[in-house]
C-alpha atoms as a PDB file:
ATOM      1  CA  MET A   1     100.663 178.391 172.588  1.00  0.00           C
ATOM      2  CA  LYS A   2      99.137 175.115 173.706  1.00  0.00           C
ATOM      3  CA  ASP A   3      97.489 174.987 177.139  1.00  0.00           C
ATOM      4  CA  GLU A   4      99.716 172.144 178.357  1.00  0.00           C
ATOM      5  CA  ASP A   5     102.849 174.093 177.318  1.00  0.00           C
ATOM      6  CA  VAL A   6     101.595 177.259 178.996  1.00  0.00           C
ATOM      7  CA  LEU A   7     100.812 175.257 182.141  1.00  0.00           C
ATOM      8  CA  ASN A   8     104.489 174.261 182.382  1.00  0.00           C
ATOM      9  CA  VAL A   9     105.434 177.958 182.424  1.00  0.00           C
ATOM     10  CA  VAL A  10     102.700 178.751 184.948  1.00  0.00           C
ATOM     11  CA  VAL A  11     103.935 176.028 187.311  1.00  0.00           C
ATOM     12  CA  GLU A  12     107.436 177.567 187.288  1.00  0.00           C
ATOM     13  CA  LEU A  13     106.007 181.082 187.687  1.00  0.00           C
ATOM     14  CA  ASN A  14     103.995 179.918 190.700  1.00  0.00           C
ATOM     15  CA  ILE A  15     107.163 178.504 192.278  1.00  0.00           C
ATOM     16  CA  LEU A  16     108.849 181.865 191.658  1.00  0.00           C
ATOM     17  CA  LEU A  17     105.830 183.563 193.210  1.00  0.00           C
ATOM     18  CA  ALA A  18     106.206 181.335 196.286  1.00  0.00           C
ATOM     19  CA  ASP A  19     109.943 182.083 196.417  1.00  0.00           C
ATOM     20  CA  TYR A  20     109.267 185.805 196.315  1.00  0.00           C
ATOM     21  CA  HIS A  21     106.702 185.614 199.129  1.00  0.00           C
ATOM     22  CA  ILE A  22     109.141 183.862 201.479  1.00  0.00           C
ATOM     23  CA  TYR A  23     111.990 186.158 200.400  1.00  0.00           C
ATOM     24  CA  TYR A  24     109.742 189.199 200.994  1.00  0.00           C
ATOM     25  CA  GLN A  25     108.885 188.095 204.516  1.00  0.00           C
ATOM     26  CA  LYS A  26     112.523 187.368 205.347  1.00  0.00           C
ATOM     27  CA  LEU A  27     113.465 190.873 204.182  1.00  0.00           C
ATOM     28  CA  ARG A  28     110.710 192.371 206.347  1.00  0.00           C
ATOM     29  CA  SER A  29     112.029 190.409 209.309  1.00  0.00           C
ATOM     30  CA  ASN A  30     115.581 191.627 208.645  1.00  0.00           C
ATOM     31  CA  HIS A  31     114.297 195.205 208.359  1.00  0.00           C
ATOM     32  CA  TRP A  32     112.552 194.914 211.733  1.00  0.00           C
ATOM     33  CA  ASN A  33     115.284 193.014 213.564  1.00  0.00           C
ATOM     34  CA  ILE A  34     118.530 194.608 212.360  1.00  0.00           C
ATOM     35  CA  LEU A  35     120.820 195.835 215.143  1.00  0.00           C
ATOM     36  CA  GLY A  36     124.324 197.233 215.361  1.00  0.00           C
ATOM     37  CA  LYS A  37     126.525 199.777 213.636  1.00  0.00           C
ATOM     38  CA  ASN A  38     125.159 198.900 210.182  1.00  0.00           C
ATOM     39  CA  PHE A  39     121.578 199.531 211.301  1.00  0.00           C
ATOM     40  CA  PHE A  40     120.908 202.649 209.210  1.00  0.00           C
ATOM     41  CA  ASP A  41     122.394 201.293 205.975  1.00  0.00           C
ATOM     42  CA  LEU A  42     120.811 197.856 206.195  1.00  0.00           C
ATOM     43  CA  HIS A  43     117.466 198.987 207.612  1.00  0.00           C
ATOM     44  CA  ASP A  44     117.024 201.145 204.505  1.00  0.00           C
ATOM     45  CA  LYS A  45     118.450 198.502 202.127  1.00  0.00           C
ATOM     46  CA  PHE A  46     116.127 195.773 203.405  1.00  0.00           C
ATOM     47  CA  GLU A  47     113.158 198.133 202.996  1.00  0.00           C
ATOM     48  CA  GLU A  48     114.258 198.911 199.438  1.00  0.00           C
ATOM     49  CA  LEU A  49     114.552 195.198 198.682  1.00  0.00           C
ATOM     50  CA  TYR A  50     111.196 194.198 200.176  1.00  0.00           C
ATOM     51  CA  THR A  51     109.463 197.072 198.394  1.00  0.00           C
ATOM     52  CA  ASP A  52     110.894 195.791 195.106  1.00  0.00           C
ATOM     53  CA  ALA A  53     109.891 192.219 196.005  1.00  0.00           C
ATOM     54  CA  ARG A  54     106.318 193.351 196.714  1.00  0.00           C
ATOM     55  CA  VAL A  55     106.075 194.853 193.223  1.00  0.00           C
ATOM     56  CA  LYS A  56     107.488 191.689 191.637  1.00  0.00           C
ATOM     57  CA  ILE A  57     105.024 189.515 193.566  1.00  0.00           C
ATOM     58  CA  ASP A  58     102.173 191.434 191.975  1.00  0.00           C
ATOM     59  CA  GLU A  59     103.752 191.362 188.515  1.00  0.00           C
ATOM     60  CA  ILE A  60     104.385 187.607 188.646  1.00  0.00           C
ATOM     61  CA  ALA A  61     100.818 186.904 189.779  1.00  0.00           C
ATOM     62  CA  GLU A  62      99.484 189.148 187.015  1.00  0.00           C
ATOM     63  CA  ARG A  63     101.659 187.336 184.457  1.00  0.00           C
ATOM     64  CA  VAL A  64     100.070 184.054 185.548  1.00  0.00           C
ATOM     65  CA  LEU A  65      96.648 185.677 185.106  1.00  0.00           C
ATOM     66  CA  THR A  66      97.700 186.982 181.680  1.00  0.00           C
ATOM     67  CA  LEU A  67      98.475 183.387 180.735  1.00  0.00           C
ATOM     68  CA  ARG A  68      94.865 182.593 181.762  1.00  0.00           C
ATOM     69  CA  TYR A  69      95.551 180.709 184.997  1.00  0.00           C
ATOM     70  CA  HIS A  70      94.992 181.556 188.643  1.00  0.00           C
ATOM     71  CA  PRO A  71      98.155 182.277 190.601  1.00  0.00           C
ATOM     72  CA  MET A  72      98.984 180.379 193.751  1.00  0.00           C
ATOM     73  CA  SER A  73      97.664 182.501 196.622  1.00  0.00           C
ATOM     74  CA  MET A  74      97.759 180.578 199.913  1.00  0.00           C
ATOM     75  CA  PHE A  75     100.738 181.100 202.191  1.00  0.00           C
ATOM     76  CA  SER A  76     100.712 177.423 203.167  1.00  0.00           C
ATOM     77  CA  ASP A  77     101.177 176.589 199.471  1.00  0.00           C
ATOM     78  CA  TYR A  78     104.031 179.102 199.210  1.00  0.00           C
ATOM     79  CA  LEU A  79     105.815 177.402 202.095  1.00  0.00           C
ATOM     80  CA  LYS A  80     105.473 174.012 200.401  1.00  0.00           C
ATOM     81  CA  ALA A  81     106.465 175.159 196.906  1.00  0.00           C
ATOM     82  CA  SER A  82     109.250 177.620 197.646  1.00  0.00           C
ATOM     83  CA  ASN A  83     112.929 176.897 197.114  1.00  0.00           C
ATOM     84  CA  ILE A  84     113.598 179.446 199.883  1.00  0.00           C
ATOM     85  CA  ASN A  85     113.234 178.377 203.498  1.00  0.00           C
ATOM     86  CA  GLU A  86     112.157 180.309 206.536  1.00  0.00           C
ATOM     87  CA  VAL A  87     114.915 181.018 209.044  1.00  0.00           C
ATOM     88  CA  GLN A  88     115.195 182.270 212.586  1.00  0.00           C
ATOM     89  CA  PRO A  89     114.819 186.057 212.497  1.00  0.00           C
ATOM     90  CA  LEU A  90     117.437 187.083 215.044  1.00  0.00           C
ATOM     91  CA  LYS A  91     120.915 187.061 213.539  1.00  0.00           C
ATOM     92  CA  HIS A  92     123.910 189.308 212.973  1.00  0.00           C
ATOM     93  CA  ASP A  93     123.773 191.873 210.206  1.00  0.00           C
ATOM     94  CA  THR A  94     126.435 190.119 208.114  1.00  0.00           C
ATOM     95  CA  ASP A  95     124.506 186.850 208.409  1.00  0.00           C
ATOM     96  CA  MET A  96     121.354 188.627 207.220  1.00  0.00           C
ATOM     97  CA  VAL A  97     123.214 189.869 204.145  1.00  0.00           C
ATOM     98  CA  LYS A  98     124.747 186.435 203.448  1.00  0.00           C
ATOM     99  CA  GLU A  99     121.304 184.828 203.743  1.00  0.00           C
ATOM    100  CA  THR A 100     119.861 187.426 201.365  1.00  0.00           C
ATOM    101  CA  ILE A 101     122.632 186.751 198.830  1.00  0.00           C
ATOM    102  CA  ASN A 102     121.887 183.028 199.084  1.00  0.00           C
ATOM    103  CA  ASP A 103     118.182 183.720 198.536  1.00  0.00           C
ATOM    104  CA  HIS A 104     119.143 185.688 195.424  1.00  0.00           C
ATOM    105  CA  LYS A 105     120.935 182.620 194.062  1.00  0.00           C
ATOM    106  CA  LEU A 106     117.778 180.566 194.568  1.00  0.00           C
ATOM    107  CA  LEU A 107     115.581 183.232 192.988  1.00  0.00           C
ATOM    108  CA  LEU A 108     117.921 183.450 190.004  1.00  0.00           C
ATOM    109  CA  GLN A 109     117.904 179.668 189.563  1.00  0.00           C
ATOM    110  CA  GLN A 110     114.106 179.715 189.478  1.00  0.00           C
ATOM    111  CA  MET A 111     114.079 182.660 187.064  1.00  0.00           C
ATOM    112  CA  TYR A 112     116.350 180.685 184.725  1.00  0.00           C
ATOM    113  CA  LYS A 113     113.899 177.746 184.888  1.00  0.00           C
ATOM    114  CA  VAL A 114     110.988 180.033 184.054  1.00  0.00           C
ATOM    115  CA  THR A 115     112.965 181.544 181.180  1.00  0.00           C
ATOM    116  CA  ARG A 116     113.876 178.155 179.685  1.00  0.00           C
ATOM    117  CA  LYS A 117     110.251 176.956 179.833  1.00  0.00           C
ATOM    118  CA  ALA A 118     108.955 180.222 178.358  1.00  0.00           C
ATOM    119  CA  GLU A 119     111.565 180.226 175.572  1.00  0.00           C
ATOM    120  CA  SER A 120     110.655 176.664 174.633  1.00  0.00           C
ATOM    121  CA  ILE A 121     107.077 177.717 173.804  1.00  0.00           C
ATOM    122  CA  GLY A 122     107.769 181.186 172.394  1.00  0.00           C
ATOM    123  CA  ASP A 123     106.324 183.044 175.404  1.00  0.00           C
ATOM    124  CA  GLU A 124     108.158 186.311 174.763  1.00  0.00           C
ATOM    125  CA  GLY A 125     106.238 188.239 177.444  1.00  0.00           C
ATOM    126  CA  THR A 126     107.484 185.971 180.212  1.00  0.00           C
ATOM    127  CA  VAL A 127     111.004 185.799 178.734  1.00  0.00           C
ATOM    128  CA  ASP A 128     111.179 189.609 178.631  1.00  0.00           C
ATOM    129  CA  MET A 129     109.921 189.906 182.202  1.00  0.00           C
ATOM    130  CA  MET A 130     112.476 187.396 183.491  1.00  0.00           C
ATOM    131  CA  GLY A 131     115.307 189.104 181.609  1.00  0.00           C
ATOM    132  CA  GLY A 132     114.658 192.345 183.462  1.00  0.00           C
ATOM    133  CA  TYR A 133     114.322 190.583 186.800  1.00  0.00           C
ATOM    134  CA  ILE A 134     117.554 188.643 186.283  1.00  0.00           C
ATOM    135  CA  ARG A 135     119.509 191.770 185.325  1.00  0.00           C
ATOM    136  CA  GLU A 136     118.243 193.696 188.368  1.00  0.00           C
ATOM    137  CA  LEU A 137     118.799 190.872 190.852  1.00  0.00           C
ATOM    138  CA  GLU A 138     122.303 190.137 189.587  1.00  0.00           C
ATOM    139  CA  LYS A 139     123.227 193.798 190.152  1.00  0.00           C
ATOM    140  CA  VAL A 140     121.768 193.893 193.663  1.00  0.00           C
ATOM    141  CA  SER A 141     123.544 190.621 194.491  1.00  0.00           C
ATOM    142  CA  TRP A 142     126.857 192.059 193.304  1.00  0.00           C
ATOM    143  CA  MET A 143     126.337 195.143 195.488  1.00  0.00           C
ATOM    144  CA  LEU A 144     125.478 193.089 198.582  1.00  0.00           C
ATOM    145  CA  SER A 145     128.470 190.836 197.936  1.00  0.00           C
ATOM    146  CA  ALA A 146     130.702 193.913 197.686  1.00  0.00           C
ATOM    147  CA  TRP A 147     129.282 195.179 200.989  1.00  0.00           C
ATOM    148  CA  ALA A 148     130.016 191.812 202.650  1.00  0.00           C
ATOM    149  CA  LYS A 149     133.646 191.651 201.458  1.00  0.00           C
ATOM    150  CA  LYS A 150     136.579 192.682 203.627  1.00  0.00           C
ATOM    151  CA  PRO A 151     138.510 195.667 202.261  1.00  0.00           C
ATOM    152  CA  SER A 152     141.497 193.361 201.713  1.00  0.00           C
ATOM    153  CA  GLU A 153     139.484 191.114 199.373  1.00  0.00           C
ATOM    154  CA  SER A 154     139.145 191.770 195.672  1.00  0.00           C
ATOM    155  CA  LEU A 155     137.244 190.512 192.674  1.00  0.00           C
ATOM    156  CA  GLN A 156     138.668 188.048 190.188  1.00  0.00           C
ATOM    157  CA  SER A 157     140.807 189.462 187.416  1.00  0.00           C
ATOM    158  CA  SER A 158     140.734 188.359 183.819  1.00  0.00           C
ATOM    159  CA  GLY A 159     144.374 189.476 183.724  1.00  0.00           C
ATOM    160  CA  LYS A 160     146.272 188.658 180.544  1.00  0.00           C
ATOM    161  CA  LYS A 161     143.136 187.657 178.601  1.00  0.00           C
ATOM    162  CA  GLU A 162     141.683 191.119 179.176  1.00  0.00           C
ATOM    163  CA  VAL A 163     144.809 192.811 177.776  1.00  0.00           C
ATOM    164  CA  GLU A 164     144.892 190.407 174.814  1.00  0.00           C
ATOM    165  CA  ALA A 165     141.242 191.119 174.012  1.00  0.00           C
ATOM    166  CA  VAL A 166     141.861 194.861 173.868  1.00  0.00           C
ATOM    167  CA  ALA A 167     144.993 194.524 171.699  1.00  0.00           C
END
């Protein structure tokens, strides 16, 4: 792989690294500041999510190093580069979950960018890493979305097409 091609992947990985740092801190804040009847469920869930984010932060930085570049490592740079914004920490539990789901959308968008850049240069290591991250984050996002739904709401149905596909 040519250095200039690898650099394009590294730039996108560093943006993902910045996204994960801001996301991580927001999850820590939610974990600390959650109140109300959903305290026990969400306190534990936010800890689970920030623990996972901490691992991914290290893995992303090490992937950048594997590609022979230094990862971004100043918080001021993370704030400038991230697609995810800081928010006020004190909010209702449902708003915390909605904000987290929105952050997942931004993380996924950045993961797709990384994947496209890595695929274009044959960087299978980065593509494989992103595939796992995308799969995991999509599942967590689905679960949080299910938690946030009212019992009267439902998912979309493929209806007739589903029956036709089976037949």
